[in-house]
PDB file of N, CA and C in Angstrom:
ATOM      1  N   UNK A   1      36.059  -4.695 -12.138  1.00  0.00           N
ATOM      2  CA  UNK A   1      34.746  -5.988 -12.594  1.00  0.00           C
ATOM      3  C   UNK A   1      34.224  -5.698 -10.686  1.00  0.00           C
ATOM      4  N   UNK A   2      34.823  -6.802 -10.188  1.00  0.00           N
ATOM      5  CA  UNK A   2      34.493  -7.305  -8.726  1.00  0.00           C
ATOM      6  C   UNK A   2      33.760  -5.767  -8.571  1.00  0.00           C
ATOM      7  N   UNK A   3      34.380  -4.674  -7.598  1.00  0.00           N
ATOM      8  CA  UNK A   3      34.568  -3.488  -7.030  1.00  0.00           C
ATOM      9  C   UNK A   3      32.726  -2.428  -7.708  1.00  0.00           C
ATOM     10  N   UNK A   4      32.983  -3.093  -9.078  1.00  0.00           N
ATOM     11  CA  UNK A   4      31.249  -2.986  -9.773  1.00  0.00           C
ATOM     12  C   UNK A   4      30.303  -3.485  -8.941  1.00  0.00           C
ATOM     13  N   UNK A   5      30.419  -4.345  -8.627  1.00  0.00           N
ATOM     14  CA  UNK A   5      29.137  -5.610  -8.332  1.00  0.00           C
ATOM     15  C   UNK A   5      28.664  -5.332  -7.060  1.00  0.00           C
ATOM     16  N   UNK A   6      30.273  -5.344  -6.159  1.00  0.00           N
ATOM     17  CA  UNK A   6      30.511  -5.249  -4.273  1.00  0.00           C
ATOM     18  C   UNK A   6      29.222  -3.756  -4.318  1.00  0.00           C
ATOM     19  N   UNK A   7      30.226  -2.985  -4.824  1.00  0.00           N
ATOM     20  CA  UNK A   7      29.240  -1.244  -5.078  1.00  0.00           C
ATOM     21  C   UNK A   7      27.673  -1.218  -5.080  1.00  0.00           C
ATOM     22  N   UNK A   8      27.351  -1.977  -6.093  1.00  0.00           N
ATOM     23  CA  UNK A   8      26.387  -1.763  -6.258  1.00  0.00           C
ATOM     24  C   UNK A   8      25.440  -3.280  -5.348  1.00  0.00           C
ATOM     25  N   UNK A   9      26.060  -5.095  -4.820  1.00  0.00           N
ATOM     26  CA  UNK A   9      24.804  -5.284  -3.807  1.00  0.00           C
ATOM     27  C   UNK A   9      24.474  -4.030  -2.343  1.00  0.00           C
ATOM     28  N   UNK A  10      25.994  -3.834  -1.955  1.00  0.00           N
ATOM     29  CA  UNK A  10      26.343  -2.389  -0.925  1.00  0.00           C
ATOM     30  C   UNK A  10      24.621  -1.262  -0.907  1.00  0.00           C
ATOM     31  N   UNK A  11      24.861  -1.682  -2.449  1.00  0.00           N
ATOM     32  CA  UNK A  11      24.118   0.189  -2.680  1.00  0.00           C
ATOM     33  C   UNK A  11      22.600  -0.932  -2.254  1.00  0.00           C
ATOM     34  N   UNK A  12      22.159  -1.464  -3.440  1.00  0.00           N
ATOM     35  CA  UNK A  12      21.110  -2.263  -2.733  1.00  0.00           C
ATOM     36  C   UNK A  12      20.759  -2.355  -1.784  1.00  0.00           C
ATOM     37  N   UNK A  13      21.316  -2.968  -0.257  1.00  0.00           N
ATOM     38  CA  UNK A  13      21.160  -3.591   0.538  1.00  0.00           C
ATOM     39  C   UNK A  13      21.525  -2.102   1.806  1.00  0.00           C
ATOM     40  N   UNK A  14      21.584  -1.132   1.670  1.00  0.00           N
ATOM     41  CA  UNK A  14      21.142  -0.258   1.494  1.00  0.00           C
ATOM     42  C   UNK A  14      19.943   0.505   0.999  1.00  0.00           C
ATOM     43  N   UNK A  15      19.471   0.610   0.452  1.00  0.00           N
ATOM     44  CA  UNK A  15      18.398   1.326  -0.391  1.00  0.00           C
ATOM     45  C   UNK A  15      16.861   0.073  -0.136  1.00  0.00           C
ATOM     46  N   UNK A  16      17.517  -1.002   0.785  1.00  0.00           N
ATOM     47  CA  UNK A  16      16.222  -1.629   0.743  1.00  0.00           C
ATOM     48  C   UNK A  16      16.013  -1.186   2.531  1.00  0.00           C
ATOM     49  N   UNK A  17      17.323  -1.779   3.668  1.00  0.00           N
ATOM     50  CA  UNK A  17      16.937  -0.626   4.946  1.00  0.00           C
ATOM     51  C   UNK A  17      16.809  -0.102   4.446  1.00  0.00           C
ATOM     52  N   UNK A  18      16.626   1.511   3.446  1.00  0.00           N
ATOM     53  CA  UNK A  18      16.589   2.320   4.870  1.00  0.00           C
ATOM     54  C   UNK A  18      14.444   2.593   3.987  1.00  0.00           C
ATOM     55  N   UNK A  19      14.170   1.719   3.241  1.00  0.00           N
ATOM     56  CA  UNK A  19      12.924   1.031   2.430  1.00  0.00           C
ATOM     57  C   UNK A  19      11.789   1.085   3.536  1.00  0.00           C
ATOM     58  N   UNK A  20      12.618  -0.293   4.065  1.00  0.00           N
ATOM     59  CA  UNK A  20      11.744  -1.174   5.951  1.00  0.00           C
ATOM     60  C   UNK A  20      11.576   0.108   6.444  1.00  0.00           C
ATOM     61  N   UNK A  21      13.002   1.297   6.889  1.00  0.00           N
ATOM     62  CA  UNK A  21      12.679   2.097   7.986  1.00  0.00           C
ATOM     63  C   UNK A  21      11.709   2.959   7.219  1.00  0.00           C
ATOM     64  N   UNK A  22      11.379   2.895   6.896  1.00  0.00           N
ATOM     65  CA  UNK A  22      10.201   4.627   6.717  1.00  0.00           C
ATOM     66  C   UNK A  22       8.934   4.321   6.146  1.00  0.00           C
ATOM     67  N   UNK A  23       8.671   2.710   6.956  1.00  0.00           N
ATOM     68  CA  UNK A  23       7.022   2.716   6.383  1.00  0.00           C
ATOM     69  C   UNK A  23       6.363   4.084   7.125  1.00  0.00           C
ATOM     70  N   UNK A  24       5.309   4.795   6.983  1.00  0.00           N
ATOM     71  CA  UNK A  24       3.784   5.151   6.951  1.00  0.00           C
ATOM     72  C   UNK A  24       3.963   5.349   8.413  1.00  0.00           C
ATOM     73  N   UNK A  25       3.327   6.456   9.191  1.00  0.00           N
ATOM     74  CA  UNK A  25       1.987   5.900  10.301  1.00  0.00           C
ATOM     75  C   UNK A  25       3.066   4.771  11.438  1.00  0.00           C
ATOM     76  N   UNK A  26       1.781   4.730  11.990  1.00  0.00           N
ATOM     77  CA  UNK A  26       1.668   4.138  13.272  1.00  0.00           C
ATOM     78  C   UNK A  26       1.091   2.006  12.688  1.00  0.00           C
ATOM     79  N   UNK A  27       2.363   1.518  13.087  1.00  0.00           N
ATOM     80  CA  UNK A  27       1.430   0.088  13.609  1.00  0.00           C
ATOM     81  C   UNK A  27      -0.089   0.208  14.401  1.00  0.00           C
ATOM     82  N   UNK A  28      -0.579  -0.869  13.604  1.00  0.00           N
ATOM     83  CA  UNK A  28      -1.843  -0.277  14.636  1.00  0.00           C
ATOM     84  C   UNK A  28      -2.753  -1.896  14.295  1.00  0.00           C
ATOM     85  N   UNK A  29      -2.089  -2.887  13.779  1.00  0.00           N
ATOM     86  CA  UNK A  29      -2.560  -4.887  13.736  1.00  0.00           C
ATOM     87  C   UNK A  29      -1.161  -5.767  12.791  1.00  0.00           C
ATOM     88  N   UNK A  30      -1.132  -6.690  13.682  1.00  0.00           N
ATOM     89  CA  UNK A  30      -0.427  -6.774  12.390  1.00  0.00           C
ATOM     90  C   UNK A  30      -0.085  -8.516  12.940  1.00  0.00           C
ATOM     91  N   UNK A  31      -0.336  -9.100  11.563  1.00  0.00           N
ATOM     92  CA  UNK A  31      -0.886 -10.854  11.901  1.00  0.00           C
ATOM     93  C   UNK A  31       0.306 -11.881  10.772  1.00  0.00           C
ATOM     94  N   UNK A  32       0.507 -12.753  11.569  1.00  0.00           N
ATOM     95  CA  UNK A  32       1.196 -13.952  10.114  1.00  0.00           C
ATOM     96  C   UNK A  32       0.674 -15.351   9.625  1.00  0.00           C
ATOM     97  N   UNK A  33       1.518 -15.959   9.071  1.00  0.00           N
ATOM     98  CA  UNK A  33       0.414 -16.801   9.216  1.00  0.00           C
ATOM     99  C   UNK A  33       1.839 -17.067   8.265  1.00  0.00           C
ATOM    100  N   UNK A  34       1.524 -19.250   8.392  1.00  0.00           N
ATOM    101  CA  UNK A  34       3.044 -20.239   8.064  1.00  0.00           C
ATOM    102  C   UNK A  34       2.129 -21.192   7.240  1.00  0.00           C
ATOM    103  N   UNK A  35       2.458 -22.086   6.223  1.00  0.00           N
ATOM    104  CA  UNK A  35       2.462 -22.913   5.393  1.00  0.00           C
ATOM    105  C   UNK A  35       2.042 -22.627   4.186  1.00  0.00           C
ATOM    106  N   UNK A  36       1.734 -24.625   3.776  1.00  0.00           N
ATOM    107  CA  UNK A  36       1.018 -25.014   2.664  1.00  0.00           C
ATOM    108  C   UNK A  36      -0.150 -23.778   2.019  1.00  0.00           C
ATOM    109  N   UNK A  37      -0.618 -23.074   3.560  1.00  0.00           N
ATOM    110  CA  UNK A  37      -2.282 -22.508   3.364  1.00  0.00           C
ATOM    111  C   UNK A  37      -2.374 -22.043   3.606  1.00  0.00           C
ATOM    112  N   UNK A  38      -1.701 -20.885   4.190  1.00  0.00           N
ATOM    113  CA  UNK A  38      -1.265 -19.591   4.586  1.00  0.00           C
ATOM    114  C   UNK A  38      -2.504 -18.933   5.064  1.00  0.00           C
ATOM    115  N   UNK A  39      -2.971 -18.647   5.993  1.00  0.00           N
ATOM    116  CA  UNK A  39      -3.643 -17.636   6.089  1.00  0.00           C
ATOM    117  C   UNK A  39      -3.650 -16.378   7.742  1.00  0.00           C
ATOM    118  N   UNK A  40      -3.658 -15.489   7.200  1.00  0.00           N
ATOM    119  CA  UNK A  40      -3.367 -14.958   8.369  1.00  0.00           C
ATOM    120  C   UNK A  40      -4.614 -13.336   8.071  1.00  0.00           C
ATOM    121  N   UNK A  41      -4.912 -12.489  10.160  1.00  0.00           N
ATOM    122  CA  UNK A  41      -6.478 -11.861   9.438  1.00  0.00           C
ATOM    123  C   UNK A  41      -5.784 -10.467  10.732  1.00  0.00           C
ATOM    124  N   UNK A  42      -5.635  -9.370  10.558  1.00  0.00           N
ATOM    125  CA  UNK A  42      -5.402  -8.554  11.245  1.00  0.00           C
ATOM    126  C   UNK A  42      -6.468  -7.537  10.982  1.00  0.00           C
ATOM    127  N   UNK A  43      -6.980  -6.905  12.526  1.00  0.00           N
ATOM    128  CA  UNK A  43      -7.886  -5.817  12.413  1.00  0.00           C
ATOM    129  C   UNK A  43      -7.875  -5.098  13.787  1.00  0.00           C
ATOM    130  N   UNK A  44      -7.415  -3.712  13.172  1.00  0.00           N
ATOM    131  CA  UNK A  44      -7.570  -2.540  13.565  1.00  0.00           C
ATOM    132  C   UNK A  44      -8.048  -1.645  13.549  1.00  0.00           C
ATOM    133  N   UNK A  45      -8.460  -0.837  14.190  1.00  0.00           N
ATOM    134  CA  UNK A  45      -8.752   0.741  14.102  1.00  0.00           C
ATOM    135  C   UNK A  45      -8.085   1.839  15.410  1.00  0.00           C
ATOM    136  N   UNK A  46      -8.682   2.543  14.552  1.00  0.00           N
ATOM    137  CA  UNK A  46      -7.930   4.363  14.494  1.00  0.00           C
ATOM    138  C   UNK A  46      -8.918   4.922  14.980  1.00  0.00           C
ATOM    139  N   UNK A  47      -8.270   6.539  15.316  1.00  0.00           N
ATOM    140  CA  UNK A  47      -8.994   7.615  15.822  1.00  0.00           C
ATOM    141  C   UNK A  47      -8.679   8.551  14.838  1.00  0.00           C
ATOM    142  N   UNK A  48      -9.794   8.927  14.048  1.00  0.00           N
ATOM    143  CA  UNK A  48      -8.686  10.525  13.216  1.00  0.00           C
ATOM    144  C   UNK A  48      -8.372  10.566  12.620  1.00  0.00           C
ATOM    145  N   UNK A  49      -8.539   9.287  11.291  1.00  0.00           N
ATOM    146  CA  UNK A  49      -6.933   8.607  10.691  1.00  0.00           C
ATOM    147  C   UNK A  49      -7.060  10.008   9.262  1.00  0.00           C
ATOM    148  N   UNK A  50      -5.780   9.659   9.391  1.00  0.00           N
ATOM    149  CA  UNK A  50      -5.707  11.211   7.748  1.00  0.00           C
ATOM    150  C   UNK A  50      -5.094   9.945   6.787  1.00  0.00           C
ATOM    151  N   UNK A  51      -4.548   8.644   6.439  1.00  0.00           N
ATOM    152  CA  UNK A  51      -4.547   7.836   5.636  1.00  0.00           C
ATOM    153  C   UNK A  51      -4.283   6.142   6.346  1.00  0.00           C
ATOM    154  N   UNK A  52      -4.832   5.466   5.672  1.00  0.00           N
ATOM    155  CA  UNK A  52      -4.919   3.993   5.789  1.00  0.00           C
ATOM    156  C   UNK A  52      -3.397   3.232   5.259  1.00  0.00           C
ATOM    157  N   UNK A  53      -2.878   2.439   5.314  1.00  0.00           N
ATOM    158  CA  UNK A  53      -2.224   1.851   4.917  1.00  0.00           C
ATOM    159  C   UNK A  53      -1.928   0.255   5.377  1.00  0.00           C
ATOM    160  N   UNK A  54      -1.816  -0.730   4.153  1.00  0.00           N
ATOM    161  CA  UNK A  54      -1.418  -1.727   4.397  1.00  0.00           C
ATOM    162  C   UNK A  54      -0.214  -2.899   3.654  1.00  0.00           C
ATOM    163  N   UNK A  55       0.266  -3.673   4.417  1.00  0.00           N
ATOM    164  CA  UNK A  55       2.238  -3.454   4.233  1.00  0.00           C
ATOM    165  C   UNK A  55       1.812  -5.596   4.109  1.00  0.00           C
ATOM    166  N   UNK A  56       0.843  -6.319   3.317  1.00  0.00           N
ATOM    167  CA  UNK A  56       1.773  -7.190   2.844  1.00  0.00           C
ATOM    168  C   UNK A  56       2.556  -8.152   1.964  1.00  0.00           C
ATOM    169  N   UNK A  57       2.932  -9.079   3.357  1.00  0.00           N
ATOM    170  CA  UNK A  57       4.701  -9.564   2.830  1.00  0.00           C
ATOM    171  C   UNK A  57       4.944 -10.947   2.442  1.00  0.00           C
ATOM    172  N   UNK A  58       5.690 -11.955   1.685  1.00  0.00           N
ATOM    173  CA  UNK A  58       5.743 -13.292   1.638  1.00  0.00           C
ATOM    174  C   UNK A  58       5.332 -13.626   0.521  1.00  0.00           C
ATOM    175  N   UNK A  59       4.310 -15.299   0.397  1.00  0.00           N
ATOM    176  CA  UNK A  59       3.887 -14.685  -1.076  1.00  0.00           C
ATOM    177  C   UNK A  59       2.453 -15.039  -1.280  1.00  0.00           C
ATOM    178  N   UNK A  60       2.187 -14.024  -1.540  1.00  0.00           N
ATOM    179  CA  UNK A  60       0.668 -13.863  -0.845  1.00  0.00           C
ATOM    180  C   UNK A  60      -0.291 -13.942  -2.241  1.00  0.00           C
ATOM    181  N   UNK A  61      -1.088 -14.775  -2.157  1.00  0.00           N
ATOM    182  CA  UNK A  61      -2.027 -15.629  -2.946  1.00  0.00           C
ATOM    183  C   UNK A  61      -2.973 -14.720  -3.348  1.00  0.00           C
ATOM    184  N   UNK A  62      -3.851 -13.969  -2.436  1.00  0.00           N
ATOM    185  CA  UNK A  62      -5.158 -13.286  -2.238  1.00  0.00           C
ATOM    186  C   UNK A  62      -4.506 -12.564  -1.337  1.00  0.00           C
ATOM    187  N   UNK A  63      -5.250 -11.223  -1.116  1.00  0.00           N
ATOM    188  CA  UNK A  63      -5.640 -10.564   0.530  1.00  0.00           C
ATOM    189  C   UNK A  63      -7.429 -10.186   0.135  1.00  0.00           C
ATOM    190  N   UNK A  64      -7.554  -9.399   0.701  1.00  0.00           N
ATOM    191  CA  UNK A  64      -9.413  -8.510   1.219  1.00  0.00           C
ATOM    192  C   UNK A  64      -8.631  -7.451   2.405  1.00  0.00           C
ATOM    193  N   UNK A  65      -9.330  -5.972   1.646  1.00  0.00           N
ATOM    194  CA  UNK A  65      -8.741  -5.579   3.088  1.00  0.00           C
ATOM    195  C   UNK A  65     -10.081  -5.021   2.797  1.00  0.00           C
ATOM    196  N   UNK A  66     -10.825  -5.098   3.738  1.00  0.00           N
ATOM    197  CA  UNK A  66     -11.977  -4.174   3.984  1.00  0.00           C
ATOM    198  C   UNK A  66     -12.153  -2.545   5.137  1.00  0.00           C
ATOM    199  N   UNK A  67     -12.253  -1.321   4.942  1.00  0.00           N
ATOM    200  CA  UNK A  67     -11.805  -0.523   5.014  1.00  0.00           C
ATOM    201  C   UNK A  67     -13.367   0.080   5.723  1.00  0.00           C
ATOM    202  N   UNK A  68     -13.576   0.560   6.857  1.00  0.00           N
ATOM    203  CA  UNK A  68     -15.005   0.631   7.306  1.00  0.00           C
ATOM    204  C   UNK A  68     -15.103   2.144   8.641  1.00  0.00           C
ATOM    205  N   UNK A  69     -15.386   2.885   7.510  1.00  0.00           N
ATOM    206  CA  UNK A  69     -15.436   4.313   8.504  1.00  0.00           C
ATOM    207  C   UNK A  69     -16.297   5.001   8.760  1.00  0.00           C
ATOM    208  N   UNK A  70     -16.425   5.686   9.767  1.00  0.00           N
ATOM    209  CA  UNK A  70     -17.346   6.362  10.273  1.00  0.00           C
ATOM    210  C   UNK A  70     -17.201   7.910  10.574  1.00  0.00           C
ATOM    211  N   UNK A  71     -19.074   8.492  10.610  1.00  0.00           N
ATOM    212  CA  UNK A  71     -18.085   9.932  11.227  1.00  0.00           C
ATOM    213  C   UNK A  71     -20.359   9.838  11.725  1.00  0.00           C
ATOM    214  N   UNK A  72     -20.258   9.688  13.503  1.00  0.00           N
ATOM    215  CA  UNK A  72     -21.510   9.484  13.811  1.00  0.00           C
ATOM    216  C   UNK A  72     -21.599   8.460  14.131  1.00  0.00           C
ATOM    217  N   UNK A  73     -23.039   7.816  13.850  1.00  0.00           N
ATOM    218  CA  UNK A  73     -23.286   6.853  13.341  1.00  0.00           C
ATOM    219  C   UNK A  73     -23.738   5.886  11.834  1.00  0.00           C
ATOM    220  N   UNK A  74     -23.194   7.062  10.790  1.00  0.00           N
ATOM    221  CA  UNK A  74     -23.371   6.680   9.399  1.00  0.00           C
ATOM    222  C   UNK A  74     -21.635   5.866   8.873  1.00  0.00           C
ATOM    223  N   UNK A  75     -21.748   4.579   9.057  1.00  0.00           N
ATOM    224  CA  UNK A  75     -21.025   3.972   8.535  1.00  0.00           C
ATOM    225  C   UNK A  75     -20.471   3.096   6.443  1.00  0.00           C
ATOM    226  N   UNK A  76     -19.538   3.389   6.984  1.00  0.00           N
ATOM    227  CA  UNK A  76     -18.870   3.458   4.993  1.00  0.00           C
ATOM    228  C   UNK A  76     -18.183   2.361   4.675  1.00  0.00           C
ATOM    229  N   UNK A  77     -18.271   1.029   4.753  1.00  0.00           N
ATOM    230  CA  UNK A  77     -17.060  -0.259   4.815  1.00  0.00           C
ATOM    231  C   UNK A  77     -17.509  -0.226   2.843  1.00  0.00           C
ATOM    232  N   UNK A  78     -15.816  -0.649   2.873  1.00  0.00           N
ATOM    233  CA  UNK A  78     -15.104  -0.408   1.946  1.00  0.00           C
ATOM    234  C   UNK A  78     -14.454  -1.682   1.454  1.00  0.00           C
ATOM    235  N   UNK A  79     -15.004  -2.135   0.854  1.00  0.00           N
ATOM    236  CA  UNK A  79     -13.921  -4.118   0.912  1.00  0.00           C
ATOM    237  C   UNK A  79     -13.164  -3.200  -0.744  1.00  0.00           C
ATOM    238  N   UNK A  80     -11.658  -3.983  -0.263  1.00  0.00           N
ATOM    239  CA  UNK A  80     -10.097  -3.935  -2.020  1.00  0.00           C
ATOM    240  C   UNK A  80     -10.124  -5.302  -1.658  1.00  0.00           C
ATOM    241  N   UNK A  81      -9.549  -5.969  -3.596  1.00  0.00           N
ATOM    242  CA  UNK A  81      -8.548  -7.275  -3.710  1.00  0.00           C
ATOM    243  C   UNK A  81      -7.521  -6.381  -4.226  1.00  0.00           C
ATOM    244  N   UNK A  82      -6.449  -7.437  -3.501  1.00  0.00           N
ATOM    245  CA  UNK A  82      -4.725  -7.248  -3.699  1.00  0.00           C
ATOM    246  C   UNK A  82      -3.984  -8.160  -4.155  1.00  0.00           C
ATOM    247  N   UNK A  83      -3.769  -8.316  -5.554  1.00  0.00           N
ATOM    248  CA  UNK A  83      -3.543  -9.815  -5.456  1.00  0.00           C
ATOM    249  C   UNK A  83      -2.210 -10.547  -5.420  1.00  0.00           C
ATOM    250  N   UNK A  84      -1.388  -9.170  -4.265  1.00  0.00           N
ATOM    251  CA  UNK A  84       0.843  -9.220  -4.256  1.00  0.00           C
ATOM    252  C   UNK A  84       0.743  -8.963  -2.786  1.00  0.00           C
ATOM    253  N   UNK A  85       1.844  -8.906  -2.795  1.00  0.00           N
ATOM    254  CA  UNK A  85       1.931  -8.599  -1.683  1.00  0.00           C
ATOM    255  C   UNK A  85       2.742  -6.864  -2.226  1.00  0.00           C
ATOM    256  N   UNK A  86       2.259  -6.645  -1.235  1.00  0.00           N
ATOM    257  CA  UNK A  86       2.894  -4.626  -1.282  1.00  0.00           C
ATOM    258  C   UNK A  86       2.820  -4.047  -0.227  1.00  0.00           C
ATOM    259  N   UNK A  87       3.115  -2.906  -0.344  1.00  0.00           N
ATOM    260  CA  UNK A  87       2.405  -1.933   0.267  1.00  0.00           C
ATOM    261  C   UNK A  87       1.626  -1.046  -0.268  1.00  0.00           C
ATOM    262  N   UNK A  88       0.042  -0.475   0.171  1.00  0.00           N
ATOM    263  CA  UNK A  88      -0.542  -0.343  -0.609  1.00  0.00           C
ATOM    264  C   UNK A  88      -1.295   0.915   0.729  1.00  0.00           C
ATOM    265  N   UNK A  89      -2.464   1.853   0.013  1.00  0.00           N
ATOM    266  CA  UNK A  89      -2.074   2.695   0.613  1.00  0.00           C
ATOM    267  C   UNK A  89      -3.773   3.661  -0.255  1.00  0.00           C
ATOM    268  N   UNK A  90      -5.416   2.914   0.989  1.00  0.00           N
ATOM    269  CA  UNK A  90      -6.313   2.779   1.290  1.00  0.00           C
ATOM    270  C   UNK A  90      -6.911   4.571   1.151  1.00  0.00           C
ATOM    271  N   UNK A  91      -7.723   5.478   1.336  1.00  0.00           N
ATOM    272  CA  UNK A  91      -8.658   6.278   1.611  1.00  0.00           C
ATOM    273  C   UNK A  91      -9.118   6.066   2.296  1.00  0.00           C
ATOM    274  N   UNK A  92      -9.065   7.265   3.599  1.00  0.00           N
ATOM    275  CA  UNK A  92     -10.658   7.344   4.570  1.00  0.00           C
ATOM    276  C   UNK A  92     -11.828   8.262   4.105  1.00  0.00           C
ATOM    277  N   UNK A  93     -12.472   7.473   3.482  1.00  0.00           N
ATOM    278  CA  UNK A  93     -14.351   8.029   3.458  1.00  0.00           C
ATOM    279  C   UNK A  93     -15.090   7.184   3.975  1.00  0.00           C
ATOM    280  N   UNK A  94     -16.002   8.382   4.784  1.00  0.00           N
ATOM    281  CA  UNK A  94     -15.698  10.158   3.745  1.00  0.00           C
ATOM    282  C   UNK A  94     -15.033  10.792   4.651  1.00  0.00           C
ATOM    283  N   UNK A  95     -13.944  11.336   4.189  1.00  0.00           N
ATOM    284  CA  UNK A  95     -13.197  12.480   4.461  1.00  0.00           C
ATOM    285  C   UNK A  95     -13.237  13.503   6.208  1.00  0.00           C
ATOM    286  N   UNK A  96     -12.533  13.123   6.883  1.00  0.00           N
ATOM    287  CA  UNK A  96     -12.698  13.726   8.378  1.00  0.00           C
ATOM    288  C   UNK A  96     -13.347  12.512   9.054  1.00  0.00           C
ATOM    289  N   UNK A  97     -13.846  11.434   8.345  1.00  0.00           N
ATOM    290  CA  UNK A  97     -14.351  10.089  10.162  1.00  0.00           C
ATOM    291  C   UNK A  97     -13.346  10.331  11.264  1.00  0.00           C
ATOM    292  N   UNK A  98     -14.455  10.012  12.071  1.00  0.00           N
ATOM    293  CA  UNK A  98     -14.078  10.416  13.886  1.00  0.00           C
ATOM    294  C   UNK A  98     -12.839   8.539  13.805  1.00  0.00           C
ATOM    295  N   UNK A  99     -14.048   7.937  13.132  1.00  0.00           N
ATOM    296  CA  UNK A  99     -12.987   6.127  13.164  1.00  0.00           C
ATOM    297  C   UNK A  99     -13.260   5.773  11.839  1.00  0.00           C
ATOM    298  N   UNK A 100     -11.996   4.352  11.971  1.00  0.00           N
ATOM    299  CA  UNK A 100     -11.749   3.749  10.690  1.00  0.00           C
ATOM    300  C   UNK A 100     -11.673   2.199  11.284  1.00  0.00           C
ATOM    301  N   UNK A 101     -12.340   1.404  11.057  1.00  0.00           N
ATOM    302  CA  UNK A 101     -12.049  -0.328  11.140  1.00  0.00           C
ATOM    303  C   UNK A 101     -11.500  -1.003  10.396  1.00  0.00           C
ATOM    304  N   UNK A 102     -10.127  -1.353  10.475  1.00  0.00           N
ATOM    305  CA  UNK A 102      -9.434  -1.820   9.215  1.00  0.00           C
ATOM    306  C   UNK A 102      -9.052  -3.746   9.202  1.00  0.00           C
ATOM    307  N   UNK A 103      -9.722  -4.431   8.752  1.00  0.00           N
ATOM    308  CA  UNK A 103      -9.699  -5.568   7.866  1.00  0.00           C
ATOM    309  C   UNK A 103      -8.610  -6.315   7.067  1.00  0.00           C
ATOM    310  N   UNK A 104      -7.668  -6.802   7.478  1.00  0.00           N
ATOM    311  CA  UNK A 104      -7.166  -7.445   6.581  1.00  0.00           C
ATOM    312  C   UNK A 104      -7.103  -8.515   6.135  1.00  0.00           C
ATOM    313  N   UNK A 105      -7.090  -9.707   5.564  1.00  0.00           N
ATOM    314  CA  UNK A 105      -7.456 -11.219   5.083  1.00  0.00           C
ATOM    315  C   UNK A 105      -7.057 -11.254   4.911  1.00  0.00           C
ATOM    316  N   UNK A 106      -5.644 -12.453   4.294  1.00  0.00           N
ATOM    317  CA  UNK A 106      -3.993 -12.123   3.469  1.00  0.00           C
ATOM    318  C   UNK A 106      -4.899 -13.978   3.527  1.00  0.00           C
ATOM    319  N   UNK A 107      -4.560 -15.002   1.865  1.00  0.00           N
ATOM    320  CA  UNK A 107      -4.142 -16.327   2.144  1.00  0.00           C
ATOM    321  C   UNK A 107      -2.980 -15.968   1.203  1.00  0.00           C
ATOM    322  N   UNK A 108      -2.041 -17.623   0.889  1.00  0.00           N
ATOM    323  CA  UNK A 108      -0.485 -17.711   0.310  1.00  0.00           C
ATOM    324  C   UNK A 108      -0.377 -18.881   0.454  1.00  0.00           C
ATOM    325  N   UNK A 109       1.029 -19.153   1.196  1.00  0.00           N
ATOM    326  CA  UNK A 109       1.695 -20.090   1.422  1.00  0.00           C
ATOM    327  C   UNK A 109       2.871 -19.355   1.571  1.00  0.00           C
ATOM    328  N   UNK A 110       3.779 -20.148   2.055  1.00  0.00           N
ATOM    329  CA  UNK A 110       5.150 -19.938   3.370  1.00  0.00           C
ATOM    330  C   UNK A 110       5.006 -19.190   4.012  1.00  0.00           C
ATOM    331  N   UNK A 111       5.522 -18.095   4.477  1.00  0.00           N
ATOM    332  CA  UNK A 111       5.472 -17.033   5.808  1.00  0.00           C
ATOM    333  C   UNK A 111       4.358 -15.505   5.124  1.00  0.00           C
ATOM    334  N   UNK A 112       4.085 -15.098   5.688  1.00  0.00           N
ATOM    335  CA  UNK A 112       3.325 -14.588   4.861  1.00  0.00           C
ATOM    336  C   UNK A 112       2.546 -13.458   6.199  1.00  0.00           C
ATOM    337  N   UNK A 113       2.264 -12.412   6.562  1.00  0.00           N
ATOM    338  CA  UNK A 113       2.469 -10.960   7.287  1.00  0.00           C
ATOM    339  C   UNK A 113       1.324 -10.373   7.016  1.00  0.00           C
ATOM    340  N   UNK A 114       0.092  -9.963   7.432  1.00  0.00           N
ATOM    341  CA  UNK A 114      -0.326  -8.105   7.098  1.00  0.00           C
ATOM    342  C   UNK A 114      -0.403  -7.310   8.213  1.00  0.00           C
ATOM    343  N   UNK A 115      -0.005  -6.484   8.202  1.00  0.00           N
ATOM    344  CA  UNK A 115       0.677  -5.454   8.911  1.00  0.00           C
ATOM    345  C   UNK A 115      -0.106  -3.691   8.394  1.00  0.00           C
ATOM    346  N   UNK A 116      -1.257  -3.391   9.070  1.00  0.00           N
ATOM    347  CA  UNK A 116      -1.800  -2.289   9.284  1.00  0.00           C
ATOM    348  C   UNK A 116      -1.435  -0.910   9.422  1.00  0.00           C
ATOM    349  N   UNK A 117      -1.415  -0.056   9.060  1.00  0.00           N
ATOM    350  CA  UNK A 117      -0.341   0.619   9.135  1.00  0.00           C
ATOM    351  C   UNK A 117      -1.445   2.078   9.394  1.00  0.00           C
ATOM    352  N   UNK A 118      -1.594   3.223   9.841  1.00  0.00           N
ATOM    353  CA  UNK A 118      -1.940   4.767   9.755  1.00  0.00           C
ATOM    354  C   UNK A 118      -1.927   6.200  10.396  1.00  0.00           C
ATOM    355  N   UNK A 119      -1.991   6.942   9.661  1.00  0.00           N
ATOM    356  CA  UNK A 119      -1.899   8.380   9.198  1.00  0.00           C
ATOM    357  C   UNK A 119      -2.553   8.735  10.689  1.00  0.00           C
ATOM    358  N   UNK A 120      -2.205   9.719  11.477  1.00  0.00           N
ATOM    359  CA  UNK A 120      -2.630  10.045  11.940  1.00  0.00           C
ATOM    360  C   UNK A 120      -3.336  12.158  12.451  1.00  0.00           C
TER     361      UNK A 120
END
C-alpha cells in the first residue's frame, strides 16, 4: 500500500514538473502582486504572433485580458474576462496581424502572477 502511494506521489510530481516545462511560446511580460488585495498588471507586445497566451496563477479573484492586434493602422481591441487561475489561449484577430499588444490585469489575494506568452 505504501509503495503504491509513494509511486503515485512521484508520478504527480513528475507530471507537474513536465507541465511547467512545456509552456507554449516565449514570455513577453510578467507581473507579480501580493497582499490581502493583490493586483498585477502585465503588458507586452509581439510582432506577427501566431498565438497568444496568459498564464494566471495564485489565488486569482478576477482577471481581464485586453488583446489589441493591428493590421496597418486598423486596431481590433478585444477584452476577455477570466475568473480563475489557469493557462488561457487567446485568438489573434484579425489573422495575420502585424503586431499585438496584450495587457493582463489580475486581482486576488496572497501571491498572484500574470505571465503573457506568444508563439511567433
